[in-house]
Structure formats: C-alpha cells, structure tokens
C-alpha cells in the first residue's frame, strides 16, 4: 500500500470515529441533557402535581367565597351566623350544655 492509501484509511477511520462520537454526544444530550427526555418527564410530573394542587386551591377558594357570600349583607344565612358566633366568640344559649 502506498502513502496515499494509508492516509485515506487514516482519514476514513478518523471520520468514522468523529461521526460515532457526534452521534453518541447528541444521543446522550437528547436523553440526559437539560432539554432531554428525562427532563421532560420530570416537568410533566411536576405539572400534574401542580394541577392537582391548583384544583384543590380552587375548591377551597370557592368554598370560602360561598361562606363569605352567605354572611354578606345581600344574603344572611342565620344558621351559618350562629355557627360562626359559637365557634369564634364561644357563645352558647342558656339552655345548652357544653361537653369537652
């Protein structure tokens, strides 16, 4: 084999090694990198947890708004008012007995 044939083999070998290295790097980045598949799965799991938390908070907010409306000037729920007075102020009627 002459000098030209050897240099072509070396260049071909180095090109193959370079291509394999690039494919390995990009494959690793696609899976493990900051924008890879594993990061995507983690973000999706966090999104699902936050969505559940949002739904719970929205339910709590709706409940609080309902209670506030029921104690407002527009609509007064006497049972709720009685319950709140007993709970917050510790009020009882004269004919009631408190058991702790």
Protein backbone atom coordinates (compact mmCIF):
# COMPACT_ATOMS: atom_id res chain seq x y z
CA UNK A 1 0.00 0.00 0.00
CA UNK A 2 1.36 3.36 -0.85
CA UNK A 3 1.41 6.53 1.24
CA UNK A 4 -1.82 7.87 -0.31
CA UNK A 5 -3.76 4.71 0.52
CA UNK A 6 -2.61 4.78 4.14
CA UNK A 7 -3.58 8.44 4.55
CA UNK A 8 -7.01 7.71 3.06
CA UNK A 9 -7.51 4.85 5.54
CA UNK A 10 -6.48 7.08 8.45
CA UNK A 11 -8.78 9.90 7.28
CA UNK A 12 -11.64 7.42 6.80
CA UNK A 13 -11.03 5.97 10.27
CA UNK A 14 -10.91 9.42 11.91
CA UNK A 15 -14.07 10.47 10.07
CA UNK A 16 -15.86 7.33 11.29
CA UNK A 17 -14.70 7.92 14.86
CA UNK A 18 -15.83 11.54 14.64
CA UNK A 19 -19.27 10.60 13.32
CA UNK A 20 -19.70 7.96 16.04
CA UNK A 21 -18.63 10.49 18.70
CA UNK A 22 -21.11 13.09 17.41
CA UNK A 23 -23.95 10.57 17.30
CA UNK A 24 -23.11 9.44 20.85
CA UNK A 25 -22.98 13.06 22.11
CA UNK A 26 -26.28 14.05 20.51
CA UNK A 27 -27.96 10.83 21.71
CA UNK A 28 -26.80 11.47 25.26
CA UNK A 29 -27.97 15.09 25.08
CA UNK A 30 -31.37 14.06 23.74
CA UNK A 31 -31.90 11.76 26.72
CA UNK A 32 -29.96 13.25 29.64
CA UNK A 33 -29.42 16.88 28.68
CA UNK A 34 -31.20 19.93 30.06
CA UNK A 35 -33.76 19.72 27.26
CA UNK A 36 -33.78 15.91 27.07
CA UNK A 37 -36.47 13.33 27.54
CA UNK A 38 -35.81 12.74 31.25
CA UNK A 39 -36.16 16.43 31.98
CA UNK A 40 -39.39 16.49 30.00
CA UNK A 41 -40.80 13.62 32.10
CA UNK A 42 -39.83 15.40 35.33
CA UNK A 43 -41.51 18.61 34.16
CA UNK A 44 -44.67 16.73 33.18
CA UNK A 45 -44.83 15.06 36.62
CA UNK A 46 -44.39 18.42 38.32
CA UNK A 47 -47.11 19.90 36.12
CA UNK A 48 -49.51 17.12 37.12
CA UNK A 49 -48.79 17.69 40.84
CA UNK A 50 -49.26 21.44 40.46
CA UNK A 51 -52.51 20.91 38.54
CA UNK A 52 -53.89 18.82 41.42
CA UNK A 53 -52.77 21.47 43.88
CA UNK A 54 -54.45 24.17 41.78
CA UNK A 55 -57.72 22.25 41.70
CA UNK A 56 -57.63 21.82 45.50
CA UNK A 57 -56.97 25.53 45.99
CA UNK A 58 -59.76 26.48 43.58
CA UNK A 59 -62.18 24.30 45.54
CA UNK A 60 -61.04 25.88 48.80
CA UNK A 61 -61.45 29.35 47.30
CA UNK A 62 -64.96 28.55 46.05
CA UNK A 63 -65.92 27.27 49.49
CA UNK A 64 -64.56 30.40 51.16
CA UNK A 65 -66.36 32.65 48.67
CA UNK A 66 -69.62 30.78 49.32
CA UNK A 67 -69.25 31.20 53.09
CA UNK A 68 -68.39 34.88 52.70
CA UNK A 69 -71.44 35.42 50.48
CA UNK A 70 -73.67 33.63 52.97
CA UNK A 71 -72.51 36.05 55.69
CA UNK A 72 -72.80 39.17 53.50
CA UNK A 73 -75.44 41.90 53.69
CA UNK A 74 -77.08 40.66 50.49
CA UNK A 75 -77.79 37.17 51.83
CA UNK A 76 -77.57 36.30 55.51
CA UNK A 77 -77.63 32.64 56.47
CA UNK A 78 -78.70 32.61 60.12
CA UNK A 79 -77.52 29.06 60.71
CA UNK A 80 -74.04 29.92 59.44
CA UNK A 81 -74.02 33.12 61.51
CA UNK A 82 -74.99 31.12 64.61
CA UNK A 83 -72.28 28.55 63.87
CA UNK A 84 -69.62 31.25 63.42
CA UNK A 85 -70.66 33.09 66.60
CA UNK A 86 -70.39 29.87 68.58
CA UNK A 87 -67.07 28.94 67.03
CA UNK A 88 -65.30 32.31 67.07
CA UNK A 89 -66.82 34.01 70.11
CA UNK A 90 -67.55 30.93 72.18
CA UNK A 91 -71.20 31.88 72.62
CA UNK A 92 -73.85 29.42 73.79
CA UNK A 93 -77.53 29.59 74.56
CA UNK A 94 -78.70 29.42 78.16
CA UNK A 95 -80.31 26.01 77.75
CA UNK A 96 -77.24 24.30 76.22
CA UNK A 97 -74.63 22.16 77.92
CA UNK A 98 -71.02 22.12 76.65
CA UNK A 99 -69.23 18.77 76.67
CA UNK A 100 -65.50 18.86 76.08
